Amino acid sequence: MNVGDVLREWRTRRRMSQLDLALLAEISARHLPFPAIAIDRHWTLVQANAAAGALFEGIDPALLAPPLNVLRLSFHPQGLAPRIVNLGQWRHHVLERSQQQIDESGDPFLSELRSELIALSANDNQRPPPNISTNPMLAVPLELRMPDSDRVMRFISTTTVFSTATSVTVSEVFLSGRQTNPRRRHAL
């Protein structure tokens, strides 16, 4: 099963057309020829444009089976890890970012995923460069060697979250005001 099949199955279960999902994820033909993917909060692939298929060439098909977790794929020795030129820096960024998500959400799935990612890194000798300090919320380069070539594609990885405030819900916020000076009522 390829990425297209995974995405088709996901859309079918949710009764969404490709256009509906593209509009929702803002991944459309305007991104071509640039690879673009959309993921959920657990880093599971939700949508990918046609150009993203090139990123998955040569990957063990078992790793592309649904649900396809893009972080697991990037750390796995039969996944993208051997092709990531700056693997140490990339892993450092991902592990920082995932810890921040865990701290904010307390999500046990993310905690288990992070432990798995650390285990996948255990036998790898690529470490981040000394004195590396990345902000997990800022862009980090991903340098990916394409299969069967020396060509390296350089991406800027950013995370954009579309959500509402999580620390206080709107239902918990209220405004209360009272004019104490009757001569100033007109100022309101």
N, C-alpha and C. Protein backbone atom coordinates (compact mmCIF):
# COMPACT_ATOMS: atom_id res chain seq x y z
N MET A 1 0.86 -1.18 0.00
CA MET A 1 0.00 0.00 0.00
C MET A 1 0.90 1.23 0.00
N ASN A 2 0.62 2.17 -0.89
CA ASN A 2 1.42 3.38 -0.95
C ASN A 2 0.74 4.52 -0.21
N VAL A 3 1.40 5.66 -0.19
CA VAL A 3 0.88 6.82 0.55
C VAL A 3 -0.48 7.24 0.01
N GLY A 4 -0.64 7.18 -1.30
CA GLY A 4 -1.93 7.54 -1.90
C GLY A 4 -3.05 6.67 -1.39
N ASP A 5 -2.79 5.36 -1.28
CA ASP A 5 -3.80 4.43 -0.76
C ASP A 5 -4.15 4.74 0.69
N VAL A 6 -3.12 5.05 1.48
CA VAL A 6 -3.33 5.39 2.90
C VAL A 6 -4.22 6.62 3.01
N LEU A 7 -3.92 7.63 2.22
CA LEU A 7 -4.70 8.86 2.28
C LEU A 7 -6.12 8.65 1.79
N ARG A 8 -6.28 7.87 0.72
CA ARG A 8 -7.62 7.58 0.21
C ARG A 8 -8.46 6.87 1.27
N GLU A 9 -7.86 5.89 1.94
CA GLU A 9 -8.58 5.16 2.99
C GLU A 9 -8.97 6.11 4.13
N TRP A 10 -8.06 7.00 4.52
CA TRP A 10 -8.34 7.94 5.60
C TRP A 10 -9.50 8.86 5.23
N ARG A 11 -9.47 9.38 3.99
CA ARG A 11 -10.55 10.28 3.53
C ARG A 11 -11.88 9.55 3.46
N THR A 12 -11.85 8.30 2.98
CA THR A 12 -13.09 7.51 2.84
C THR A 12 -13.74 7.29 4.20
N ARG A 13 -12.94 6.98 5.20
CA ARG A 13 -13.50 6.76 6.55
C ARG A 13 -14.14 8.02 7.10
N ARG A 14 -13.68 9.17 6.67
CA ARG A 14 -14.21 10.45 7.17
C ARG A 14 -15.18 11.11 6.19
N ARG A 15 -15.47 10.39 5.10
CA ARG A 15 -16.40 10.89 4.08
C ARG A 15 -15.99 12.27 3.56
N MET A 16 -14.72 12.39 3.24
CA MET A 16 -14.18 13.65 2.73
C MET A 16 -13.67 13.45 1.31
N SER A 17 -13.93 14.40 0.46
CA SER A 17 -13.34 14.37 -0.87
C SER A 17 -11.90 14.85 -0.77
N GLN A 18 -11.14 14.60 -1.83
CA GLN A 18 -9.76 15.09 -1.84
C GLN A 18 -9.74 16.60 -1.78
N LEU A 19 -10.69 17.25 -2.47
CA LEU A 19 -10.75 18.70 -2.44
C LEU A 19 -11.07 19.21 -1.04
N ASP A 20 -12.04 18.56 -0.34
CA ASP A 20 -12.37 18.96 1.03
C ASP A 20 -11.15 18.93 1.92
N LEU A 21 -10.41 17.82 1.83
CA LEU A 21 -9.23 17.68 2.68
C LEU A 21 -8.14 18.66 2.28
N ALA A 22 -7.97 18.87 0.99
CA ALA A 22 -6.95 19.83 0.53
C ALA A 22 -7.27 21.23 1.03
N LEU A 23 -8.54 21.59 0.98
CA LEU A 23 -8.92 22.91 1.47
C LEU A 23 -8.72 23.01 2.97
N LEU A 24 -9.08 21.93 3.68
CA LEU A 24 -8.92 21.91 5.12
C LEU A 24 -7.45 22.04 5.50
N ALA A 25 -6.60 21.31 4.83
CA ALA A 25 -5.18 21.29 5.17
C ALA A 25 -4.37 22.34 4.40
N GLU A 26 -5.02 23.04 3.51
CA GLU A 26 -4.37 24.04 2.67
C GLU A 26 -3.19 23.47 1.89
N ILE A 27 -3.38 22.23 1.46
CA ILE A 27 -2.40 21.60 0.58
C ILE A 27 -3.11 21.43 -0.75
N SER A 28 -2.63 22.10 -1.76
CA SER A 28 -3.28 22.08 -3.05
C SER A 28 -2.25 22.15 -4.15
N ALA A 29 -2.75 22.28 -5.36
CA ALA A 29 -1.85 22.32 -6.52
C ALA A 29 -0.89 23.50 -6.46
N ARG A 30 -1.21 24.53 -5.71
CA ARG A 30 -0.31 25.67 -5.65
C ARG A 30 1.01 25.33 -4.96
N HIS A 31 1.03 24.23 -4.20
CA HIS A 31 2.27 23.80 -3.56
C HIS A 31 3.18 23.02 -4.51
N LEU A 32 2.60 22.49 -5.59
CA LEU A 32 3.41 21.73 -6.53
C LEU A 32 4.41 22.66 -7.19
N PRO A 33 5.62 22.29 -7.48
CA PRO A 33 6.17 20.94 -7.36
C PRO A 33 6.83 20.68 -6.02
N PHE A 34 6.47 21.42 -5.01
CA PHE A 34 7.10 21.29 -3.71
C PHE A 34 6.36 20.28 -2.84
N PRO A 35 7.10 19.36 -2.20
CA PRO A 35 6.45 18.40 -1.32
C PRO A 35 5.77 19.11 -0.15
N ALA A 36 4.56 18.68 0.16
CA ALA A 36 3.83 19.23 1.31
C ALA A 36 3.03 18.10 1.94
N ILE A 37 3.06 18.07 3.26
CA ILE A 37 2.29 17.05 3.99
C ILE A 37 1.50 17.73 5.10
N ALA A 38 0.43 17.08 5.51
CA ALA A 38 -0.34 17.52 6.67
C ALA A 38 -0.37 16.35 7.64
N ILE A 39 -0.20 16.66 8.91
CA ILE A 39 -0.18 15.64 9.95
C ILE A 39 -1.18 16.00 11.04
N ASP A 40 -1.53 15.02 11.85
CA ASP A 40 -2.39 15.31 12.99
C ASP A 40 -1.52 15.56 14.23
N ARG A 41 -2.13 15.72 15.37
CA ARG A 41 -1.37 16.07 16.58
C ARG A 41 -0.44 14.96 17.06
N HIS A 42 -0.64 13.73 16.54
CA HIS A 42 0.23 12.62 16.89
C HIS A 42 1.28 12.36 15.81
N TRP A 43 1.42 13.29 14.87
CA TRP A 43 2.38 13.22 13.79
C TRP A 43 2.05 12.10 12.80
N THR A 44 0.77 11.77 12.70
CA THR A 44 0.31 10.78 11.73
C THR A 44 -0.04 11.49 10.44
N LEU A 45 0.42 10.95 9.33
CA LEU A 45 0.17 11.55 8.03
C LEU A 45 -1.32 11.56 7.73
N VAL A 46 -1.82 12.74 7.39
CA VAL A 46 -3.22 12.91 7.05
C VAL A 46 -3.37 13.14 5.55
N GLN A 47 -2.48 13.94 4.99
CA GLN A 47 -2.56 14.29 3.58
C GLN A 47 -1.17 14.59 3.06
N ALA A 48 -0.95 14.27 1.79
CA ALA A 48 0.31 14.60 1.12
C ALA A 48 0.00 14.92 -0.32
N ASN A 49 0.70 15.89 -0.87
CA ASN A 49 0.50 16.17 -2.29
C ASN A 49 1.34 15.20 -3.12
N ALA A 50 1.15 15.24 -4.42
CA ALA A 50 1.83 14.29 -5.31
C ALA A 50 3.35 14.40 -5.21
N ALA A 51 3.86 15.61 -5.05
CA ALA A 51 5.31 15.80 -4.98
C ALA A 51 5.92 15.13 -3.74
N ALA A 52 5.14 14.96 -2.69
CA ALA A 52 5.65 14.34 -1.46
C ALA A 52 5.97 12.86 -1.67
N GLY A 53 5.38 12.25 -2.69
CA GLY A 53 5.65 10.84 -2.96
C GLY A 53 7.13 10.58 -3.19
N ALA A 54 7.84 11.54 -3.76
CA ALA A 54 9.28 11.37 -4.01
C ALA A 54 10.06 11.21 -2.70
N LEU A 55 9.56 11.78 -1.63
CA LEU A 55 10.24 11.67 -0.34
C LEU A 55 10.22 10.25 0.19
N PHE A 56 9.21 9.48 -0.21
CA PHE A 56 9.01 8.15 0.34
C PHE A 56 9.55 7.04 -0.56
N GLU A 57 10.18 7.41 -1.68
CA GLU A 57 10.75 6.40 -2.58
C GLU A 57 11.84 5.61 -1.86
N GLY A 58 11.83 4.31 -2.07
CA GLY A 58 12.86 3.44 -1.52
C GLY A 58 12.67 3.09 -0.05
N ILE A 59 11.58 3.52 0.54
CA ILE A 59 11.31 3.23 1.96
C ILE A 59 10.68 1.85 2.08
N ASP A 60 11.03 1.12 3.12
CA ASP A 60 10.43 -0.18 3.40
C ASP A 60 8.91 -0.04 3.40
N PRO A 61 8.19 -0.74 2.52
CA PRO A 61 6.73 -0.60 2.43
C PRO A 61 6.00 -0.84 3.75
N ALA A 62 6.54 -1.69 4.61
CA ALA A 62 5.90 -1.93 5.91
C ALA A 62 5.83 -0.66 6.75
N LEU A 63 6.82 0.22 6.59
CA LEU A 63 6.82 1.48 7.34
C LEU A 63 5.83 2.49 6.80
N LEU A 64 5.37 2.28 5.56
CA LEU A 64 4.42 3.21 4.94
C LEU A 64 2.97 2.79 5.15
N ALA A 65 2.76 1.65 5.83
CA ALA A 65 1.40 1.17 6.09
C ALA A 65 0.71 2.10 7.10
N PRO A 66 -0.59 2.24 6.94
CA PRO A 66 -1.31 3.12 7.89
C PRO A 66 -1.37 2.50 9.28
N PRO A 67 -1.39 3.32 10.28
CA PRO A 67 -1.21 4.76 10.26
C PRO A 67 0.27 5.10 10.12
N LEU A 68 0.59 6.00 9.22
CA LEU A 68 1.96 6.37 8.93
C LEU A 68 2.38 7.54 9.82
N ASN A 69 3.26 7.25 10.78
CA ASN A 69 3.76 8.29 11.68
C ASN A 69 5.04 8.85 11.09
N VAL A 70 5.04 10.14 10.76
CA VAL A 70 6.18 10.73 10.05
C VAL A 70 7.43 10.86 10.93
N LEU A 71 7.26 11.00 12.23
CA LEU A 71 8.45 11.05 13.10
C LEU A 71 9.11 9.68 13.18
N ARG A 72 8.31 8.65 13.35
CA ARG A 72 8.85 7.29 13.39
C ARG A 72 9.57 7.00 12.07
N LEU A 73 8.96 7.41 10.96
CA LEU A 73 9.56 7.20 9.65
C LEU A 73 10.89 7.93 9.52
N SER A 74 10.99 9.14 10.07
CA SER A 74 12.24 9.90 9.95
C SER A 74 13.35 9.37 10.85
N PHE A 75 13.01 8.67 11.92
CA PHE A 75 14.03 8.13 12.83
C PHE A 75 14.41 6.68 12.50
N HIS A 76 13.57 5.98 11.78
CA HIS A 76 13.75 4.54 11.58
C HIS A 76 14.90 4.24 10.62
N PRO A 77 15.74 3.24 10.95
CA PRO A 77 16.88 2.90 10.10
C PRO A 77 16.48 2.39 8.71
N GLN A 78 15.26 1.84 8.55
CA GLN A 78 14.78 1.45 7.23
C GLN A 78 13.87 2.52 6.64
N GLY A 79 13.75 3.64 7.34
CA GLY A 79 12.94 4.75 6.87
C GLY A 79 13.81 5.84 6.28
N LEU A 80 13.57 7.06 6.70
CA LEU A 80 14.31 8.20 6.16
C LEU A 80 15.65 8.45 6.84
N ALA A 81 15.87 7.91 8.04
CA ALA A 81 17.08 8.22 8.81
C ALA A 81 18.38 8.10 8.02
N PRO A 82 18.60 7.04 7.26
CA PRO A 82 19.87 6.94 6.53
C PRO A 82 20.05 8.02 5.46
N ARG A 83 18.95 8.63 5.04
CA ARG A 83 19.02 9.65 3.98
C ARG A 83 19.07 11.08 4.54
N ILE A 84 18.89 11.26 5.84
CA ILE A 84 18.91 12.60 6.42
C ILE A 84 20.37 12.98 6.69
N VAL A 85 20.83 13.97 5.94
CA VAL A 85 22.23 14.39 6.01
C VAL A 85 22.56 14.97 7.39
N ASN A 86 21.68 15.78 7.93
CA ASN A 86 21.89 16.40 9.25
C ASN A 86 21.05 15.70 10.32
N LEU A 87 21.18 14.39 10.37
CA LEU A 87 20.35 13.57 11.24
C LEU A 87 20.48 13.95 12.72
N GLY A 88 21.67 14.23 13.18
CA GLY A 88 21.84 14.61 14.59
C GLY A 88 21.07 15.87 14.94
N GLN A 89 21.18 16.88 14.10
CA GLN A 89 20.46 18.14 14.33
C GLN A 89 18.95 17.92 14.23
N TRP A 90 18.52 17.15 13.24
CA TRP A 90 17.10 16.88 13.04
C TRP A 90 16.52 16.15 14.27
N ARG A 91 17.22 15.13 14.73
CA ARG A 91 16.73 14.37 15.89
C ARG A 91 16.65 15.27 17.13
N HIS A 92 17.66 16.10 17.31
CA HIS A 92 17.67 17.01 18.46
C HIS A 92 16.43 17.90 18.42
N HIS A 93 16.14 18.44 17.26
CA HIS A 93 14.97 19.31 17.09
C HIS A 93 13.68 18.54 17.38
N VAL A 94 13.53 17.37 16.79
CA VAL A 94 12.30 16.58 16.95
C VAL A 94 12.09 16.19 18.41
N LEU A 95 13.15 15.77 19.07
CA LEU A 95 13.01 15.35 20.47
C LEU A 95 12.68 16.54 21.37
N GLU A 96 13.26 17.71 21.10
CA GLU A 96 12.90 18.91 21.87
C GLU A 96 11.42 19.28 21.64
N ARG A 97 11.03 19.28 20.38
CA ARG A 97 9.66 19.65 20.02
C ARG A 97 8.66 18.67 20.62
N SER A 98 8.96 17.39 20.55
CA SER A 98 8.03 16.39 21.10
C SER A 98 7.93 16.51 22.62
N GLN A 99 9.04 16.81 23.28
CA GLN A 99 8.98 17.00 24.75
C GLN A 99 8.12 18.19 25.10
N GLN A 100 8.22 19.25 24.32
CA GLN A 100 7.38 20.42 24.57
C GLN A 100 5.90 20.07 24.41
N GLN A 101 5.59 19.29 23.39
CA GLN A 101 4.19 18.87 23.20
C GLN A 101 3.71 18.03 24.37
N ILE A 102 4.56 17.15 24.85
CA ILE A 102 4.19 16.29 25.99
C ILE A 102 3.97 17.15 27.24
N ASP A 103 4.87 18.09 27.46
CA ASP A 103 4.74 18.98 28.62
C ASP A 103 3.43 19.77 28.58
N GLU A 104 3.03 20.21 27.39
CA GLU A 104 1.82 21.01 27.24
C GLU A 104 0.54 20.17 27.31
N SER A 105 0.60 18.95 26.78
CA SER A 105 -0.63 18.17 26.64
C SER A 105 -0.76 17.01 27.62
N GLY A 106 0.36 16.47 28.08
CA GLY A 106 0.31 15.28 28.93
C GLY A 106 -0.16 14.06 28.15
N ASP A 107 -0.10 14.11 26.83
CA ASP A 107 -0.61 13.04 25.97
C ASP A 107 0.25 11.78 26.10
N PRO A 108 -0.33 10.67 26.58
CA PRO A 108 0.46 9.45 26.74
C PRO A 108 0.94 8.87 25.40
N PHE A 109 0.18 9.05 24.33
CA PHE A 109 0.63 8.58 23.02
C PHE A 109 1.94 9.26 22.63
N LEU A 110 2.00 10.58 22.80
CA LEU A 110 3.22 11.32 22.44
C LEU A 110 4.39 10.90 23.32
N SER A 111 4.12 10.62 24.58
CA SER A 111 5.18 10.18 25.49
C SER A 111 5.74 8.83 25.04
N GLU A 112 4.85 7.91 24.66
CA GLU A 112 5.30 6.60 24.17
C GLU A 112 6.05 6.74 22.85
N LEU A 113 5.55 7.60 21.98
CA LEU A 113 6.22 7.83 20.70
C LEU A 113 7.62 8.38 20.92
N ARG A 114 7.75 9.34 21.81
CA ARG A 114 9.07 9.93 22.08
C ARG A 114 10.04 8.87 22.61
N SER A 115 9.57 8.01 23.49
CA SER A 115 10.42 6.92 24.00
C SER A 115 10.86 6.00 22.86
N GLU A 116 9.94 5.72 21.95
CA GLU A 116 10.28 4.89 20.80
C GLU A 116 11.33 5.58 19.91
N LEU A 117 11.19 6.89 19.72
CA LEU A 117 12.14 7.63 18.91
C LEU A 117 13.53 7.62 19.54
N ILE A 118 13.58 7.76 20.85
CA ILE A 118 14.87 7.70 21.56
C ILE A 118 15.49 6.32 21.38
N ALA A 119 14.67 5.27 21.49
CA ALA A 119 15.19 3.91 21.31
C ALA A 119 15.71 3.71 19.89
N LEU A 120 15.02 4.25 18.89
CA LEU A 120 15.49 4.14 17.51
C LEU A 120 16.83 4.87 17.31
N SER A 121 17.09 5.87 18.14
CA SER A 121 18.33 6.66 18.04
C SER A 121 19.49 6.03 18.78
N ALA A 122 19.22 5.06 19.64
CA ALA A 122 20.23 4.54 20.56
C ALA A 122 21.47 4.00 19.86
N ASN A 123 21.33 3.34 18.74
CA ASN A 123 22.47 2.72 18.07
C ASN A 123 23.06 3.59 16.96
N ASP A 124 22.63 4.81 16.91
CA ASP A 124 23.11 5.71 15.85
C ASP A 124 24.23 6.58 16.40
N ASN A 125 25.26 6.74 15.62
CA ASN A 125 26.39 7.56 16.09
C ASN A 125 26.28 9.02 15.68
N GLN A 126 25.21 9.40 15.01
CA GLN A 126 25.05 10.81 14.62
C GLN A 126 24.43 11.58 15.77
N ARG A 127 25.17 12.47 16.29
CA ARG A 127 24.71 13.31 17.40
C ARG A 127 24.63 14.74 16.91
N PRO A 128 23.88 15.57 17.62
CA PRO A 128 23.83 16.97 17.20
C PRO A 128 25.20 17.62 17.33
N PRO A 129 25.46 18.61 16.49
CA PRO A 129 26.74 19.32 16.63
C PRO A 129 26.88 19.91 18.02
N PRO A 130 28.13 20.07 18.52
CA PRO A 130 28.31 20.64 19.86
C PRO A 130 27.70 22.03 19.96
N ASN A 131 27.22 22.34 21.14
CA ASN A 131 26.64 23.65 21.44
C ASN A 131 25.40 23.97 20.61
N ILE A 132 24.74 22.93 20.13
CA ILE A 132 23.53 23.19 19.36
C ILE A 132 22.43 23.61 20.31
N SER A 133 21.77 24.64 19.96
CA SER A 133 20.65 25.11 20.75
C SER A 133 19.56 25.52 19.78
N THR A 134 18.56 24.66 19.65
CA THR A 134 17.46 24.99 18.75
C THR A 134 16.26 25.33 19.60
N ASN A 135 15.48 26.22 19.09
CA ASN A 135 14.20 26.49 19.70
C ASN A 135 13.21 25.59 18.99
N PRO A 136 12.53 24.70 19.69
CA PRO A 136 11.65 23.74 19.03
C PRO A 136 10.51 24.40 18.27
N MET A 137 10.29 25.67 18.47
CA MET A 137 9.22 26.35 17.76
C MET A 137 9.71 27.05 16.49
N LEU A 138 11.03 27.09 16.27
CA LEU A 138 11.57 27.77 15.11
C LEU A 138 11.88 26.77 14.01
N ALA A 139 12.14 27.29 12.83
CA ALA A 139 12.46 26.45 11.68
C ALA A 139 13.79 25.75 11.87
N VAL A 140 13.87 24.51 11.46
CA VAL A 140 15.08 23.72 11.51
C VAL A 140 15.27 23.08 10.14
N PRO A 141 16.47 23.12 9.59
CA PRO A 141 16.66 22.53 8.26
C PRO A 141 16.57 21.02 8.30
N LEU A 142 16.01 20.46 7.26
CA LEU A 142 16.02 19.02 7.05
C LEU A 142 16.69 18.80 5.71
N GLU A 143 17.86 18.18 5.74
CA GLU A 143 18.62 17.93 4.52
C GLU A 143 18.47 16.45 4.18
N LEU A 144 17.73 16.20 3.09
CA LEU A 144 17.35 14.84 2.73
C LEU A 144 17.99 14.44 1.41
N ARG A 145 18.82 13.40 1.46
CA ARG A 145 19.44 12.88 0.23
C ARG A 145 18.39 12.04 -0.49
N MET A 146 18.24 12.30 -1.77
CA MET A 146 17.26 11.57 -2.56
C MET A 146 17.80 10.18 -2.89
N PRO A 147 16.89 9.18 -3.00
CA PRO A 147 17.36 7.81 -3.25
C PRO A 147 18.09 7.70 -4.58
N ASP A 148 19.11 6.87 -4.61
CA ASP A 148 19.89 6.59 -5.81
C ASP A 148 20.49 7.83 -6.45
N SER A 149 20.86 8.82 -5.63
CA SER A 149 21.49 10.02 -6.18
C SER A 149 22.25 10.73 -5.08
N ASP A 150 23.07 11.68 -5.48
CA ASP A 150 23.78 12.51 -4.52
C ASP A 150 23.04 13.82 -4.28
N ARG A 151 21.90 13.98 -4.94
CA ARG A 151 21.12 15.22 -4.81
C ARG A 151 20.53 15.30 -3.40
N VAL A 152 20.73 16.47 -2.78
CA VAL A 152 20.20 16.70 -1.43
C VAL A 152 19.13 17.78 -1.53
N MET A 153 17.95 17.47 -1.02
CA MET A 153 16.88 18.45 -0.95
C MET A 153 16.92 19.06 0.44
N ARG A 154 16.85 20.37 0.50
CA ARG A 154 16.89 21.07 1.78
C ARG A 154 15.53 21.68 2.05
N PHE A 155 14.98 21.30 3.19
CA PHE A 155 13.66 21.78 3.59
C PHE A 155 13.79 22.60 4.85
N ILE A 156 12.87 23.49 5.02
CA ILE A 156 12.74 24.16 6.31
C ILE A 156 11.51 23.55 6.95
N SER A 157 11.71 22.94 8.07
CA SER A 157 10.63 22.29 8.78
C SER A 157 10.04 23.27 9.78
N THR A 158 8.78 23.51 9.65
CA THR A 158 8.09 24.35 10.62
C THR A 158 6.83 23.64 11.06
N THR A 159 6.37 23.98 12.21
CA THR A 159 5.13 23.42 12.71
C THR A 159 4.15 24.56 12.87
N THR A 160 3.00 24.40 12.24
CA THR A 160 1.94 25.39 12.37
C THR A 160 0.74 24.69 12.98
N VAL A 161 0.22 25.24 14.03
CA VAL A 161 -0.92 24.65 14.72
C VAL A 161 -2.10 25.60 14.59
N PHE A 162 -3.20 25.06 14.12
CA PHE A 162 -4.42 25.83 14.02
C PHE A 162 -5.32 25.39 15.16
N SER A 163 -5.44 26.23 16.16
CA SER A 163 -6.25 25.84 17.31
C SER A 163 -6.70 27.08 18.05
N THR A 164 -7.41 26.82 19.13
CA THR A 164 -7.84 27.90 20.00
C THR A 164 -7.01 27.84 21.26
N ALA A 165 -7.20 28.81 22.13
CA ALA A 165 -6.45 28.83 23.39
C ALA A 165 -6.69 27.54 24.15
N THR A 166 -5.63 27.00 24.73
CA THR A 166 -5.77 25.75 25.46
C THR A 166 -5.67 25.93 26.97
N SER A 167 -5.13 27.05 27.42
CA SER A 167 -4.98 27.22 28.86
C SER A 167 -6.28 27.67 29.52
N VAL A 168 -7.08 28.39 28.80
CA VAL A 168 -8.36 28.86 29.32
C VAL A 168 -9.37 28.76 28.20
N THR A 169 -10.48 28.11 28.44
CA THR A 169 -11.50 28.03 27.40
C THR A 169 -12.32 29.31 27.42
N VAL A 170 -12.92 29.59 26.27
CA VAL A 170 -13.72 30.80 26.15
C VAL A 170 -14.87 30.78 27.15
N SER A 171 -15.39 29.60 27.45
CA SER A 171 -16.51 29.52 28.39
C SER A 171 -16.10 29.90 29.81
N GLU A 172 -14.79 29.90 30.08
CA GLU A 172 -14.32 30.25 31.42
C GLU A 172 -13.96 31.73 31.54
N VAL A 173 -14.02 32.45 30.45
CA VAL A 173 -13.65 33.86 30.45
C VAL A 173 -14.91 34.70 30.49
N PHE A 174 -14.93 35.68 31.34
CA PHE A 174 -16.04 36.62 31.34
C PHE A 174 -15.48 37.99 31.65
N LEU A 175 -16.21 38.97 31.18
CA LEU A 175 -15.82 40.35 31.41
C LEU A 175 -16.84 40.98 32.35
N SER A 176 -16.35 41.70 33.26
CA SER A 176 -17.24 42.38 34.19
C SER A 176 -16.76 43.82 34.29
N GLY A 177 -17.67 44.72 34.14
CA GLY A 177 -17.28 46.12 34.23
C GLY A 177 -18.37 46.93 34.93
N ARG A 178 -17.95 47.96 35.61
CA ARG A 178 -18.92 48.79 36.30
C ARG A 178 -18.39 50.21 36.31
N GLN A 179 -19.20 51.11 35.91
CA GLN A 179 -18.81 52.51 35.91
C GLN A 179 -19.07 53.08 37.31
N THR A 180 -18.03 53.51 37.95
CA THR A 180 -18.20 54.03 39.31
C THR A 180 -18.42 55.52 39.35
N ASN A 181 -18.09 56.20 38.31
CA ASN A 181 -18.26 57.66 38.28
C ASN A 181 -19.40 57.98 37.30
N PRO A 182 -20.56 58.39 37.83
CA PRO A 182 -21.71 58.61 36.94
C PRO A 182 -21.44 59.69 35.90
N ARG A 183 -20.57 60.65 36.15
CA ARG A 183 -20.28 61.70 35.18
C ARG A 183 -19.48 61.18 33.98
N ARG A 184 -18.88 60.00 34.10
CA ARG A 184 -18.03 59.44 33.03
C ARG A 184 -18.77 58.41 32.20
N ARG A 185 -20.07 58.20 32.43
CA ARG A 185 -20.82 57.18 31.69
C ARG A 185 -20.76 57.44 30.20
N HIS A 186 -20.76 58.69 29.79
CA HIS A 186 -20.73 59.01 28.37
C HIS A 186 -19.42 58.55 27.71
N ALA A 187 -18.37 58.34 28.51
CA ALA A 187 -17.09 57.89 27.97
C ALA A 187 -17.15 56.44 27.49
N LEU A 188 -18.10 55.71 28.03
CA LEU A 188 -18.23 54.31 27.60
C LEU A 188 -18.90 54.27 26.27
